[in-house]
Amino acid sequence: MGKSTGEENSNLYTRGVNEGRSGDLLEASELLEILEVFGEDGMRSYLMGVVEGEADATEDEEDGGDKE
């Protein structure tokens, strides 16, 4: 299993946020690839980003869509 750096974790988090917001989530095999390449810390960063992105999308919907 791989290990990720702080910068890689940050990038995985950002990717997770973007995918969580858009609803364009990864397939299980792609998640396993993240785990294999970046290890548990990388997977955790990605999944935390997804949760944050989904929460942001929900807030946007409750606020009526666009934030201005």
C-alpha atoms as a PDB file:
ATOM      1  CA  MET A   1       0.000   0.000   0.000  1.00  0.00           C
ATOM      2  CA  GLY A   2       1.236   3.433  -0.883  1.00  0.00           C
ATOM      3  CA  LYS A   3       1.717   6.477   1.257  1.00  0.00           C
ATOM      4  CA  SER A   4       0.759  10.045   0.421  1.00  0.00           C
ATOM      5  CA  THR A   5       2.398  13.376   1.136  1.00  0.00           C
ATOM      6  CA  GLY A   6       0.682  16.456   2.517  1.00  0.00           C
ATOM      7  CA  GLU A   7       0.383  17.989  -0.945  1.00  0.00           C
ATOM      8  CA  GLU A   8      -1.115  14.781  -2.356  1.00  0.00           C
ATOM      9  CA  ASN A   9      -3.596  14.644   0.525  1.00  0.00           C
ATOM     10  CA  SER A  10      -4.574  18.230  -0.185  1.00  0.00           C
ATOM     11  CA  ASN A  11      -5.090  17.449  -3.868  1.00  0.00           C
ATOM     12  CA  LEU A  12      -7.137  14.344  -3.021  1.00  0.00           C
ATOM     13  CA  TYR A  13      -9.281  16.386  -0.626  1.00  0.00           C
ATOM     14  CA  THR A  14      -9.905  19.016  -3.293  1.00  0.00           C
ATOM     15  CA  ARG A  15     -10.745  16.333  -5.844  1.00  0.00           C
ATOM     16  CA  GLY A  16     -13.170  14.800  -3.341  1.00  0.00           C
ATOM     17  CA  VAL A  17     -14.848  18.161  -2.721  1.00  0.00           C
ATOM     18  CA  ASN A  18     -15.299  18.741  -6.442  1.00  0.00           C
ATOM     19  CA  GLU A  19     -16.662  15.254  -7.059  1.00  0.00           C
ATOM     20  CA  GLY A  20     -18.909  15.416  -3.985  1.00  0.00           C
ATOM     21  CA  ARG A  21     -20.349  18.729  -5.144  1.00  0.00           C
ATOM     22  CA  SER A  22     -21.011  17.496  -8.657  1.00  0.00           C
ATOM     23  CA  GLY A  23     -22.291  14.069  -7.620  1.00  0.00           C
ATOM     24  CA  ASP A  24     -19.783  12.468  -9.989  1.00  0.00           C
ATOM     25  CA  LEU A  25     -18.498   9.837  -7.545  1.00  0.00           C
ATOM     26  CA  LEU A  26     -15.865   7.196  -8.216  1.00  0.00           C
ATOM     27  CA  GLU A  27     -16.566   3.523  -8.780  1.00  0.00           C
ATOM     28  CA  ALA A  28     -15.371   1.039  -6.150  1.00  0.00           C
ATOM     29  CA  SER A  29     -12.425  -0.073  -8.301  1.00  0.00           C
ATOM     30  CA  GLU A  30     -11.243   3.538  -8.594  1.00  0.00           C
ATOM     31  CA  LEU A  31     -11.478   3.973  -4.820  1.00  0.00           C
ATOM     32  CA  LEU A  32      -9.346   0.871  -4.370  1.00  0.00           C
ATOM     33  CA  GLU A  33      -6.754   2.387  -6.708  1.00  0.00           C
ATOM     34  CA  ILE A  34      -6.594   5.506  -4.524  1.00  0.00           C
ATOM     35  CA  LEU A  35      -6.114   3.296  -1.484  1.00  0.00           C
ATOM     36  CA  GLU A  36      -3.398   1.278  -3.196  1.00  0.00           C
ATOM     37  CA  VAL A  37      -1.473   4.293  -4.480  1.00  0.00           C
ATOM     38  CA  PHE A  38      -1.972   6.810  -1.652  1.00  0.00           C
ATOM     39  CA  GLY A  39      -2.686   4.610   1.379  1.00  0.00           C
ATOM     40  CA  GLU A  40      -5.162   5.150   4.174  1.00  0.00           C
ATOM     41  CA  ASP A  41      -4.308   8.816   4.677  1.00  0.00           C
ATOM     42  CA  GLY A  42      -4.919   9.582   1.017  1.00  0.00           C
ATOM     43  CA  MET A  43      -8.200   7.680   1.032  1.00  0.00           C
ATOM     44  CA  ARG A  44      -9.293   9.498   4.180  1.00  0.00           C
ATOM     45  CA  SER A  45      -8.474  12.871   2.610  1.00  0.00           C
ATOM     46  CA  TYR A  46     -10.447  12.023  -0.527  1.00  0.00           C
ATOM     47  CA  LEU A  47     -13.479  10.754   1.403  1.00  0.00           C
ATOM     48  CA  MET A  48     -13.478  13.754   3.757  1.00  0.00           C
ATOM     49  CA  GLY A  49     -13.502  15.960   0.665  1.00  0.00           C
ATOM     50  CA  VAL A  50     -16.446  14.058  -0.800  1.00  0.00           C
ATOM     51  CA  VAL A  51     -18.442  14.505   2.409  1.00  0.00           C
ATOM     52  CA  GLU A  52     -17.615  18.224   2.490  1.00  0.00           C
ATOM     53  CA  GLY A  53     -18.533  18.632  -1.183  1.00  0.00           C
ATOM     54  CA  GLU A  54     -21.865  16.888  -0.685  1.00  0.00           C
ATOM     55  CA  ALA A  55     -22.608  19.101   2.321  1.00  0.00           C
ATOM     56  CA  ASP A  56     -21.750  22.209   0.287  1.00  0.00           C
ATOM     57  CA  ALA A  57     -24.042  21.085  -2.533  1.00  0.00           C
ATOM     58  CA  THR A  58     -26.880  20.516  -0.066  1.00  0.00           C
ATOM     59  CA  GLU A  59     -26.364  23.975   1.445  1.00  0.00           C
ATOM     60  CA  ASP A  60     -26.385  25.522  -2.025  1.00  0.00           C
ATOM     61  CA  GLU A  61     -29.681  23.800  -2.816  1.00  0.00           C
ATOM     62  CA  GLU A  62     -31.218  24.976   0.468  1.00  0.00           C
ATOM     63  CA  ASP A  63     -30.023  28.532  -0.208  1.00  0.00           C
ATOM     64  CA  GLY A  64     -31.652  28.529  -3.616  1.00  0.00           C
ATOM     65  CA  GLY A  65     -28.740  27.599  -5.814  1.00  0.00           C
ATOM     66  CA  ASP A  66     -26.077  30.189  -6.536  1.00  0.00           C
ATOM     67  CA  LYS A  67     -24.063  31.921  -3.883  1.00  0.00           C
ATOM     68  CA  GLU A  68     -23.483  35.576  -4.648  1.00  0.00           C
END
